[in-house]
Amino acid sequence: MLFAVLFEDNPNAPGDVRQRHMADHLAFLERHDGQIQVAGPLFEHGKAAGGLWLVNAATVGEVDAMVHADPFWPTGLRKSYRVLEWRQVFARDTPGS
């Protein structure tokens, strides 16, 4: 089953928290590339606002566990997240093309 995970950044997080933990976060995504199909930041008016993952998992609980295992989670960078079941009805050959 595919899930969309929408992350909202915490506007009160220290300004350098993303940079300090980015290498660990990217390594985490690489280790879970069989489940996390795509991942990337979201922006609002050119400013970082959160992130988006598409995750292949059996249950919402499995996705929740993955979110909490991400090195970004305990840093306070993320204010909140939502997990939504996603059903694909259209796709281009290459994302972003």
PDB file of N, CA and C in Angstrom:
ATOM      1  N   MET A   1       0.850  -1.163   0.000  1.00  0.00           N
ATOM      2  CA  MET A   1       0.000   0.000   0.000  1.00  0.00           C
ATOM      3  C   MET A   1       0.906   1.238   0.000  1.00  0.00           C
ATOM      4  N   LEU A   2       0.498   2.275  -0.724  1.00  0.00           N
ATOM      5  CA  LEU A   2       1.286   3.501  -0.754  1.00  0.00           C
ATOM      6  C   LEU A   2       0.681   4.550   0.174  1.00  0.00           C
ATOM      7  N   PHE A   3       1.568   5.232   0.871  1.00  0.00           N
ATOM      8  CA  PHE A   3       1.174   6.301   1.775  1.00  0.00           C
ATOM      9  C   PHE A   3       1.939   7.571   1.429  1.00  0.00           C
ATOM     10  N   ALA A   4       1.253   8.697   1.511  1.00  0.00           N
ATOM     11  CA  ALA A   4       1.904  10.003   1.408  1.00  0.00           C
ATOM     12  C   ALA A   4       2.115  10.499   2.826  1.00  0.00           C
ATOM     13  N   VAL A   5       3.314  10.929   3.119  1.00  0.00           N
ATOM     14  CA  VAL A   5       3.637  11.490   4.430  1.00  0.00           C
ATOM     15  C   VAL A   5       3.954  12.961   4.208  1.00  0.00           C
ATOM     16  N   LEU A   6       3.181  13.827   4.833  1.00  0.00           N
ATOM     17  CA  LEU A   6       3.367  15.270   4.725  1.00  0.00           C
ATOM     18  C   LEU A   6       3.947  15.784   6.034  1.00  0.00           C
ATOM     19  N   PHE A   7       5.134  16.365   5.959  1.00  0.00           N
ATOM     20  CA  PHE A   7       5.805  16.905   7.138  1.00  0.00           C
ATOM     21  C   PHE A   7       5.653  18.425   7.162  1.00  0.00           C
ATOM     22  N   GLU A   8       5.386  18.967   8.332  1.00  0.00           N
ATOM     23  CA  GLU A   8       5.366  20.417   8.529  1.00  0.00           C
ATOM     24  C   GLU A   8       6.561  20.772   9.406  1.00  0.00           C
ATOM     25  N   ASP A   9       7.381  21.716   8.942  1.00  0.00           N
ATOM     26  CA  ASP A   9       8.530  22.146   9.724  1.00  0.00           C
ATOM     27  C   ASP A   9       8.113  23.004  10.905  1.00  0.00           C
ATOM     28  N   ASN A  10       8.922  22.964  11.944  1.00  0.00           N
ATOM     29  CA  ASN A  10       8.724  23.773  13.135  1.00  0.00           C
ATOM     30  C   ASN A  10       9.414  25.122  12.913  1.00  0.00           C
ATOM     31  N   PRO A  11       8.661  26.212  12.839  1.00  0.00           N
ATOM     32  CA  PRO A  11       9.291  27.512  12.599  1.00  0.00           C
ATOM     33  C   PRO A  11      10.199  27.958  13.741  1.00  0.00           C
ATOM     34  N   ASN A  12      10.086  27.334  14.908  1.00  0.00           N
ATOM     35  CA  ASN A  12      10.913  27.686  16.061  1.00  0.00           C
ATOM     36  C   ASN A  12      12.161  26.823  16.202  1.00  0.00           C
ATOM     37  N   ALA A  13      12.383  25.913  15.246  1.00  0.00           N
ATOM     38  CA  ALA A  13      13.576  25.057  15.298  1.00  0.00           C
ATOM     39  C   ALA A  13      14.813  25.909  15.035  1.00  0.00           C
ATOM     40  N   PRO A  14      15.954  25.545  15.650  1.00  0.00           N
ATOM     41  CA  PRO A  14      17.192  26.282  15.380  1.00  0.00           C
ATOM     42  C   PRO A  14      17.489  26.334  13.883  1.00  0.00           C
ATOM     43  N   GLY A  15      18.002  27.456  13.415  1.00  0.00           N
ATOM     44  CA  GLY A  15      18.223  27.677  11.985  1.00  0.00           C
ATOM     45  C   GLY A  15      19.168  26.700  11.316  1.00  0.00           C
ATOM     46  N   ASP A  16      20.095  26.099  12.071  1.00  0.00           N
ATOM     47  CA  ASP A  16      21.077  25.203  11.465  1.00  0.00           C
ATOM     48  C   ASP A  16      20.750  23.720  11.666  1.00  0.00           C
ATOM     49  N   VAL A  17      19.600  23.423  12.250  1.00  0.00           N
ATOM     50  CA  VAL A  17      19.277  22.032  12.588  1.00  0.00           C
ATOM     51  C   VAL A  17      19.208  21.150  11.339  1.00  0.00           C
ATOM     52  N   ARG A  18      18.661  21.659  10.256  1.00  0.00           N
ATOM     53  CA  ARG A  18      18.558  20.865   9.028  1.00  0.00           C
ATOM     54  C   ARG A  18      19.951  20.505   8.499  1.00  0.00           C
ATOM     55  N   GLN A  19      20.835  21.498   8.433  1.00  0.00           N
ATOM     56  CA  GLN A  19      22.178  21.256   7.911  1.00  0.00           C
ATOM     57  C   GLN A  19      22.964  20.289   8.800  1.00  0.00           C
ATOM     58  N   ARG A  20      22.822  20.427  10.120  1.00  0.00           N
ATOM     59  CA  ARG A  20      23.570  19.567  11.045  1.00  0.00           C
ATOM     60  C   ARG A  20      23.188  18.098  10.927  1.00  0.00           C
ATOM     61  N   HIS A  21      21.935  17.825  10.555  1.00  0.00           N
ATOM     62  CA  HIS A  21      21.445  16.448  10.531  1.00  0.00           C
ATOM     63  C   HIS A  21      21.166  15.919   9.130  1.00  0.00           C
ATOM     64  N   MET A  22      21.464  16.725   8.107  1.00  0.00           N
ATOM     65  CA  MET A  22      21.136  16.327   6.736  1.00  0.00           C
ATOM     66  C   MET A  22      21.850  15.045   6.306  1.00  0.00           C
ATOM     67  N   ALA A  23      23.115  14.891   6.603  1.00  0.00           N
ATOM     68  CA  ALA A  23      23.844  13.685   6.176  1.00  0.00           C
ATOM     69  C   ALA A  23      23.210  12.429   6.777  1.00  0.00           C
ATOM     70  N   ASP A  24      22.859  12.472   8.057  1.00  0.00           N
ATOM     71  CA  ASP A  24      22.221  11.318   8.700  1.00  0.00           C
ATOM     72  C   ASP A  24      20.837  11.056   8.111  1.00  0.00           C
ATOM     73  N   HIS A  25      20.097  12.121   7.832  1.00  0.00           N
ATOM     74  CA  HIS A  25      18.761  12.002   7.234  1.00  0.00           C
ATOM     75  C   HIS A  25      18.859  11.345   5.856  1.00  0.00           C
ATOM     76  N   LEU A  26      19.796  11.813   5.023  1.00  0.00           N
ATOM     77  CA  LEU A  26      19.951  11.242   3.682  1.00  0.00           C
ATOM     78  C   LEU A  26      20.404   9.787   3.742  1.00  0.00           C
ATOM     79  N   ALA A  27      21.268   9.453   4.691  1.00  0.00           N
ATOM     80  CA  ALA A  27      21.689   8.057   4.866  1.00  0.00           C
ATOM     81  C   ALA A  27      20.498   7.194   5.280  1.00  0.00           C
ATOM     82  N   PHE A  28      19.629   7.724   6.137  1.00  0.00           N
ATOM     83  CA  PHE A  28      18.410   7.018   6.546  1.00  0.00           C
ATOM     84  C   PHE A  28      17.527   6.734   5.328  1.00  0.00           C
ATOM     85  N   LEU A  29      17.322   7.747   4.488  1.00  0.00           N
ATOM     86  CA  LEU A  29      16.506   7.570   3.292  1.00  0.00           C
ATOM     87  C   LEU A  29      17.109   6.497   2.383  1.00  0.00           C
ATOM     88  N   GLU A  30      18.425   6.503   2.221  1.00  0.00           N
ATOM     89  CA  GLU A  30      19.097   5.488   1.397  1.00  0.00           C
ATOM     90  C   GLU A  30      18.886   4.081   1.958  1.00  0.00           C
ATOM     91  N   ARG A  31      18.980   3.945   3.279  1.00  0.00           N
ATOM     92  CA  ARG A  31      18.791   2.626   3.904  1.00  0.00           C
ATOM     93  C   ARG A  31      17.367   2.110   3.723  1.00  0.00           C
ATOM     94  N   HIS A  32      16.410   3.010   3.526  1.00  0.00           N
ATOM     95  CA  HIS A  32      15.001   2.623   3.399  1.00  0.00           C
ATOM     96  C   HIS A  32      14.475   2.831   1.983  1.00  0.00           C
ATOM     97  N   ASP A  33      15.366   2.797   0.995  1.00  0.00           N
ATOM     98  CA  ASP A  33      14.941   3.097  -0.369  1.00  0.00           C
ATOM     99  C   ASP A  33      14.001   2.045  -0.949  1.00  0.00           C
ATOM    100  N   GLY A  34      13.898   0.895  -0.343  1.00  0.00           N
ATOM    101  CA  GLY A  34      12.921  -0.099  -0.777  1.00  0.00           C
ATOM    102  C   GLY A  34      11.505   0.255  -0.377  1.00  0.00           C
ATOM    103  N   GLN A  35      11.368   1.076   0.652  1.00  0.00           N
ATOM    104  CA  GLN A  35      10.048   1.493   1.119  1.00  0.00           C
ATOM    105  C   GLN A  35       9.752   2.955   0.781  1.00  0.00           C
ATOM    106  N   ILE A  36      10.713   3.825   0.995  1.00  0.00           N
ATOM    107  CA  ILE A  36      10.506   5.242   0.694  1.00  0.00           C
ATOM    108  C   ILE A  36      10.781   5.425  -0.797  1.00  0.00           C
ATOM    109  N   GLN A  37       9.705   5.572  -1.567  1.00  0.00           N
ATOM    110  CA  GLN A  37       9.805   5.639  -3.028  1.00  0.00           C
ATOM    111  C   GLN A  37      10.358   6.977  -3.511  1.00  0.00           C
ATOM    112  N   VAL A  38       9.887   8.056  -2.911  1.00  0.00           N
ATOM    113  CA  VAL A  38      10.380   9.402  -3.221  1.00  0.00           C
ATOM    114  C   VAL A  38      10.351  10.212  -1.938  1.00  0.00           C
ATOM    115  N   ALA A  39      11.238  11.192  -1.861  1.00  0.00           N
ATOM    116  CA  ALA A  39      11.286  12.075  -0.692  1.00  0.00           C
ATOM    117  C   ALA A  39      11.871  13.411  -1.124  1.00  0.00           C
ATOM    118  N   GLY A  40      11.390  14.464  -0.512  1.00  0.00           N
ATOM    119  CA  GLY A  40      11.953  15.770  -0.826  1.00  0.00           C
ATOM    120  C   GLY A  40      11.303  16.870  -0.023  1.00  0.00           C
ATOM    121  N   PRO A  41      11.947  18.041  -0.040  1.00  0.00           N
ATOM    122  CA  PRO A  41      11.451  19.171   0.737  1.00  0.00           C
ATOM    123  C   PRO A  41      10.266  19.855   0.067  1.00  0.00           C
ATOM    124  N   LEU A  42       9.487  20.535   0.892  1.00  0.00           N
ATOM    125  CA  LEU A  42       8.393  21.391   0.430  1.00  0.00           C
ATOM    126  C   LEU A  42       8.752  22.827   0.785  1.00  0.00           C
ATOM    127  N   PHE A  43       8.349  23.755  -0.069  1.00  0.00           N
ATOM    128  CA  PHE A  43       8.650  25.171   0.133  1.00  0.00           C
ATOM    129  C   PHE A  43       7.376  25.993   0.046  1.00  0.00           C
ATOM    130  N   GLU A  44       7.354  27.072   0.807  1.00  0.00           N
ATOM    131  CA  GLU A  44       6.256  28.032   0.740  1.00  0.00           C
ATOM    132  C   GLU A  44       6.888  29.412   0.610  1.00  0.00           C
ATOM    133  N   HIS A  45       6.582  30.076  -0.493  1.00  0.00           N
ATOM    134  CA  HIS A  45       7.160  31.395  -0.781  1.00  0.00           C
ATOM    135  C   HIS A  45       8.685  31.348  -0.729  1.00  0.00           C
ATOM    136  N   GLY A  46       9.266  30.253  -1.265  1.00  0.00           N
ATOM    137  CA  GLY A  46      10.712  30.118  -1.340  1.00  0.00           C
ATOM    138  C   GLY A  46      11.402  29.705  -0.056  1.00  0.00           C
ATOM    139  N   LYS A  47      10.643  29.495   1.004  1.00  0.00           N
ATOM    140  CA  LYS A  47      11.215  29.130   2.303  1.00  0.00           C
ATOM    141  C   LYS A  47      10.831  27.686   2.649  1.00  0.00           C
ATOM    142  N   ALA A  48      11.779  26.930   3.208  1.00  0.00           N
ATOM    143  CA  ALA A  48      11.507  25.543   3.596  1.00  0.00           C
ATOM    144  C   ALA A  48      10.287  25.481   4.508  1.00  0.00           C
ATOM    145  N   ALA A  49       9.366  24.567   4.172  1.00  0.00           N
ATOM    146  CA  ALA A  49       8.121  24.468   4.932  1.00  0.00           C
ATOM    147  C   ALA A  49       7.832  23.061   5.431  1.00  0.00           C
ATOM    148  N   GLY A  50       8.602  22.067   4.981  1.00  0.00           N
ATOM    149  CA  GLY A  50       8.338  20.696   5.391  1.00  0.00           C
ATOM    150  C   GLY A  50       8.907  19.727   4.389  1.00  0.00           C
ATOM    151  N   GLY A  51       8.252  18.594   4.258  1.00  0.00           N
ATOM    152  CA  GLY A  51       8.728  17.579   3.338  1.00  0.00           C
ATOM    153  C   GLY A  51       7.616  16.632   2.947  1.00  0.00           C
ATOM    154  N   LEU A  52       7.907  15.788   1.970  1.00  0.00           N
ATOM    155  CA  LEU A  52       6.951  14.816   1.457  1.00  0.00           C
ATOM    156  C   LEU A  52       7.675  13.509   1.181  1.00  0.00           C
ATOM    157  N   TRP A  53       7.081  12.415   1.638  1.00  0.00           N
ATOM    158  CA  TRP A  53       7.551  11.082   1.288  1.00  0.00           C
ATOM    159  C   TRP A  53       6.395  10.330   0.660  1.00  0.00           C
ATOM    160  N   LEU A  54       6.685   9.444  -0.286  1.00  0.00           N
ATOM    161  CA  LEU A  54       5.759   8.407  -0.713  1.00  0.00           C
ATOM    162  C   LEU A  54       6.358   7.094  -0.238  1.00  0.00           C
ATOM    163  N   VAL A  55       5.600   6.375   0.583  1.00  0.00           N
ATOM    164  CA  VAL A  55       6.121   5.201   1.272  1.00  0.00           C
ATOM    165  C   VAL A  55       5.291   3.969   0.937  1.00  0.00           C
ATOM    166  N   ASN A  56       5.972   2.894   0.603  1.00  0.00           N
ATOM    167  CA  ASN A  56       5.340   1.603   0.393  1.00  0.00           C
ATOM    168  C   ASN A  56       5.422   0.843   1.713  1.00  0.00           C
ATOM    169  N   ALA A  57       4.285   0.594   2.348  1.00  0.00           N
ATOM    170  CA  ALA A  57       4.251  -0.082   3.649  1.00  0.00           C
ATOM    171  C   ALA A  57       2.945  -0.851   3.794  1.00  0.00           C
ATOM    172  N   ALA A  58       2.928  -1.790   4.713  1.00  0.00           N
ATOM    173  CA  ALA A  58       1.730  -2.599   4.954  1.00  0.00           C
ATOM    174  C   ALA A  58       0.695  -1.866   5.790  1.00  0.00           C
ATOM    175  N   THR A  59       1.168  -1.021   6.738  1.00  0.00           N
ATOM    176  CA  THR A  59       0.242  -0.360   7.658  1.00  0.00           C
ATOM    177  C   THR A  59       0.694   1.065   7.964  1.00  0.00           C
ATOM    178  N   VAL A  60      -0.222   1.857   8.474  1.00  0.00           N
ATOM    179  CA  VAL A  60       0.102   3.206   8.936  1.00  0.00           C
ATOM    180  C   VAL A  60       1.098   3.121  10.090  1.00  0.00           C
ATOM    181  N   GLY A  61       0.956   2.138  10.949  1.00  0.00           N
ATOM    182  CA  GLY A  61       1.886   1.962  12.068  1.00  0.00           C
ATOM    183  C   GLY A  61       3.318   1.777  11.603  1.00  0.00           C
ATOM    184  N   GLU A  62       3.502   1.071  10.505  1.00  0.00           N
ATOM    185  CA  GLU A  62       4.833   0.875   9.945  1.00  0.00           C
ATOM    186  C   GLU A  62       5.407   2.219   9.464  1.00  0.00           C
ATOM    187  N   VAL A  63       4.561   3.042   8.873  1.00  0.00           N
ATOM    188  CA  VAL A  63       5.001   4.364   8.411  1.00  0.00           C
ATOM    189  C   VAL A  63       5.332   5.246   9.614  1.00  0.00           C
ATOM    190  N   ASP A  64       4.480   5.230  10.637  1.00  0.00           N
ATOM    191  CA  ASP A  64       4.746   6.007  11.859  1.00  0.00           C
ATOM    192  C   ASP A  64       6.100   5.643  12.453  1.00  0.00           C
ATOM    193  N   ALA A  65       6.389   4.353  12.517  1.00  0.00           N
ATOM    194  CA  ALA A  65       7.675   3.902  13.070  1.00  0.00           C
ATOM    195  C   ALA A  65       8.842   4.435  12.240  1.00  0.00           C
ATOM    196  N   MET A  66       8.675   4.459  10.930  1.00  0.00           N
ATOM    197  CA  MET A  66       9.726   4.963  10.057  1.00  0.00           C
ATOM    198  C   MET A  66       9.945   6.458  10.285  1.00  0.00           C
ATOM    199  N   VAL A  67       8.864   7.209  10.399  1.00  0.00           N
ATOM    200  CA  VAL A  67       8.963   8.656  10.663  1.00  0.00           C
ATOM    201  C   VAL A  67       9.749   8.902  11.944  1.00  0.00           C
ATOM    202  N   HIS A  68       9.426   8.156  12.990  1.00  0.00           N
ATOM    203  CA  HIS A  68      10.072   8.364  14.289  1.00  0.00           C
ATOM    204  C   HIS A  68      11.522   7.865  14.309  1.00  0.00           C
ATOM    205  N   ALA A  69      11.891   7.004  13.360  1.00  0.00           N
ATOM    206  CA  ALA A  69      13.278   6.535  13.259  1.00  0.00           C
ATOM    207  C   ALA A  69      14.154   7.488  12.438  1.00  0.00           C
ATOM    208  N   ASP A  70      13.535   8.394  11.693  1.00  0.00           N
ATOM    209  CA  ASP A  70      14.281   9.356  10.873  1.00  0.00           C
ATOM    210  C   ASP A  70      15.091  10.276  11.787  1.00  0.00           C
ATOM    211  N   PRO A  71      16.379  10.471  11.529  1.00  0.00           N
ATOM    212  CA  PRO A  71      17.206  11.344  12.364  1.00  0.00           C
ATOM    213  C   PRO A  71      16.688  12.783  12.486  1.00  0.00           C
ATOM    214  N   PHE A  72      15.867  13.238  11.553  1.00  0.00           N
ATOM    215  CA  PHE A  72      15.274  14.578  11.686  1.00  0.00           C
ATOM    216  C   PHE A  72      14.260  14.645  12.828  1.00  0.00           C
ATOM    217  N   TRP A  73      13.565  13.536  13.114  1.00  0.00           N
ATOM    218  CA  TRP A  73      12.435  13.587  14.045  1.00  0.00           C
ATOM    219  C   TRP A  73      12.804  14.094  15.446  1.00  0.00           C
ATOM    220  N   PRO A  74      13.814  13.555  16.123  1.00  0.00           N
ATOM    221  CA  PRO A  74      14.078  13.994  17.506  1.00  0.00           C
ATOM    222  C   PRO A  74      14.728  15.377  17.613  1.00  0.00           C
ATOM    223  N   THR A  75      15.053  16.001  16.496  1.00  0.00           N
ATOM    224  CA  THR A  75      15.757  17.293  16.534  1.00  0.00           C
ATOM    225  C   THR A  75      14.848  18.474  16.798  1.00  0.00           C
ATOM    226  N   GLY A  76      13.541  18.289  16.644  1.00  0.00           N
ATOM    227  CA  GLY A  76      12.609  19.411  16.769  1.00  0.00           C
ATOM    228  C   GLY A  76      12.385  20.138  15.450  1.00  0.00           C
ATOM    229  N   LEU A  77      13.019  19.662  14.362  1.00  0.00           N
ATOM    230  CA  LEU A  77      12.830  20.291  13.056  1.00  0.00           C
ATOM    231  C   LEU A  77      11.390  20.148  12.578  1.00  0.00           C
ATOM    232  N   ARG A  78      10.815  18.986  12.819  1.00  0.00           N
ATOM    233  CA  ARG A  78       9.449  18.728  12.353  1.00  0.00           C
ATOM    234  C   ARG A  78       8.438  19.139  13.425  1.00  0.00           C
ATOM    235  N   LYS A  79       7.458  19.928  13.018  1.00  0.00           N
ATOM    236  CA  LYS A  79       6.379  20.325  13.927  1.00  0.00           C
ATOM    237  C   LYS A  79       5.326  19.223  13.995  1.00  0.00           C
ATOM    238  N   SER A  80       5.019  18.643  12.821  1.00  0.00           N
ATOM    239  CA  SER A  80       3.989  17.614  12.762  1.00  0.00           C
ATOM    240  C   SER A  80       4.133  16.842  11.456  1.00  0.00           C
ATOM    241  N   TYR A  81       3.356  15.772  11.358  1.00  0.00           N
ATOM    242  CA  TYR A  81       3.280  15.026  10.109  1.00  0.00           C
ATOM    243  C   TYR A  81       1.913  14.382   9.990  1.00  0.00           C
ATOM    244  N   ARG A  82       1.531  14.095   8.749  1.00  0.00           N
ATOM    245  CA  ARG A  82       0.281  13.381   8.457  1.00  0.00           C
ATOM    246  C   ARG A  82       0.616  12.213   7.555  1.00  0.00           C
ATOM    247  N   VAL A  83      -0.050  11.101   7.784  1.00  0.00           N
ATOM    248  CA  VAL A  83       0.092   9.930   6.931  1.00  0.00           C
ATOM    249  C   VAL A  83      -1.257   9.691   6.264  1.00  0.00           C
ATOM    250  N   LEU A  84      -1.245   9.710   4.929  1.00  0.00           N
ATOM    251  CA  LEU A  84      -2.468   9.533   4.153  1.00  0.00           C
ATOM    252  C   LEU A  84      -2.280   8.391   3.168  1.00  0.00           C
ATOM    253  N   GLU A  85      -3.272   7.512   3.062  1.00  0.00           N
ATOM    254  CA  GLU A  85      -3.210   6.469   2.041  1.00  0.00           C
ATOM    255  C   GLU A  85      -3.305   7.148   0.675  1.00  0.00           C
ATOM    256  N   TRP A  86      -2.464   6.696  -0.256  1.00  0.00           N
ATOM    257  CA  TRP A  86      -2.427   7.321  -1.578  1.00  0.00           C
ATOM    258  C   TRP A  86      -2.659   6.263  -2.642  1.00  0.00           C
ATOM    259  N   ARG A  87      -3.511   6.604  -3.613  1.00  0.00           N
ATOM    260  CA  ARG A  87      -3.789   5.708  -4.737  1.00  0.00           C
ATOM    261  C   ARG A  87      -3.449   6.422  -6.031  1.00  0.00           C
ATOM    262  N   GLN A  88      -2.510   5.897  -6.737  1.00  0.00           N
ATOM    263  CA  GLN A  88      -2.057   6.514  -7.980  1.00  0.00           C
ATOM    264  C   GLN A  88      -3.069   6.284  -9.088  1.00  0.00           C
ATOM    265  N   VAL A  89      -3.423   7.347  -9.797  1.00  0.00           N
ATOM    266  CA  VAL A  89      -4.302   7.233 -10.955  1.00  0.00           C
ATOM    267  C   VAL A  89      -3.634   7.749 -12.226  1.00  0.00           C
ATOM    268  N   PHE A  90      -2.508   8.442 -12.076  1.00  0.00           N
ATOM    269  CA  PHE A  90      -1.785   8.974 -13.225  1.00  0.00           C
ATOM    270  C   PHE A  90      -0.330   9.148 -12.855  1.00  0.00           C
ATOM    271  N   ALA A  91       0.559   8.894 -13.821  1.00  0.00           N
ATOM    272  CA  ALA A  91       1.989   9.160 -13.606  1.00  0.00           C
ATOM    273  C   ALA A  91       2.653   9.345 -14.955  1.00  0.00           C
ATOM    274  N   ARG A  92       3.592  10.248 -14.985  1.00  0.00           N
ATOM    275  CA  ARG A  92       4.446  10.406 -16.161  1.00  0.00           C
ATOM    276  C   ARG A  92       5.567   9.384 -16.033  1.00  0.00           C
ATOM    277  N   ASP A  93       6.329   9.225 -17.091  1.00  0.00           N
ATOM    278  CA  ASP A  93       7.437   8.259 -17.066  1.00  0.00           C
ATOM    279  C   ASP A  93       8.482   8.607 -16.021  1.00  0.00           C
ATOM    280  N   THR A  94       8.790   9.913 -15.870  1.00  0.00           N
ATOM    281  CA  THR A  94       9.822  10.348 -14.956  1.00  0.00           C
ATOM    282  C   THR A  94       9.258  11.432 -14.046  1.00  0.00           C
ATOM    283  N   PRO A  95       9.333  11.271 -12.709  1.00  0.00           N
ATOM    284  CA  PRO A  95       8.853  12.321 -11.812  1.00  0.00           C
ATOM    285  C   PRO A  95       9.531  13.659 -12.114  1.00  0.00           C
ATOM    286  N   GLY A  96       8.730  14.720 -12.136  1.00  0.00           N
ATOM    287  CA  GLY A  96       9.263  16.049 -12.345  1.00  0.00           C
ATOM    288  C   GLY A  96       9.520  16.406 -13.787  1.00  0.00           C
ATOM    289  N   SER A  97       9.207  15.508 -14.717  1.00  0.00           N
ATOM    290  CA  SER A  97       9.471  15.832 -16.126  1.00  0.00           C
ATOM    291  C   SER A  97       8.278  16.482 -16.779  1.00  0.00           C
TER     292      SER A  97
END
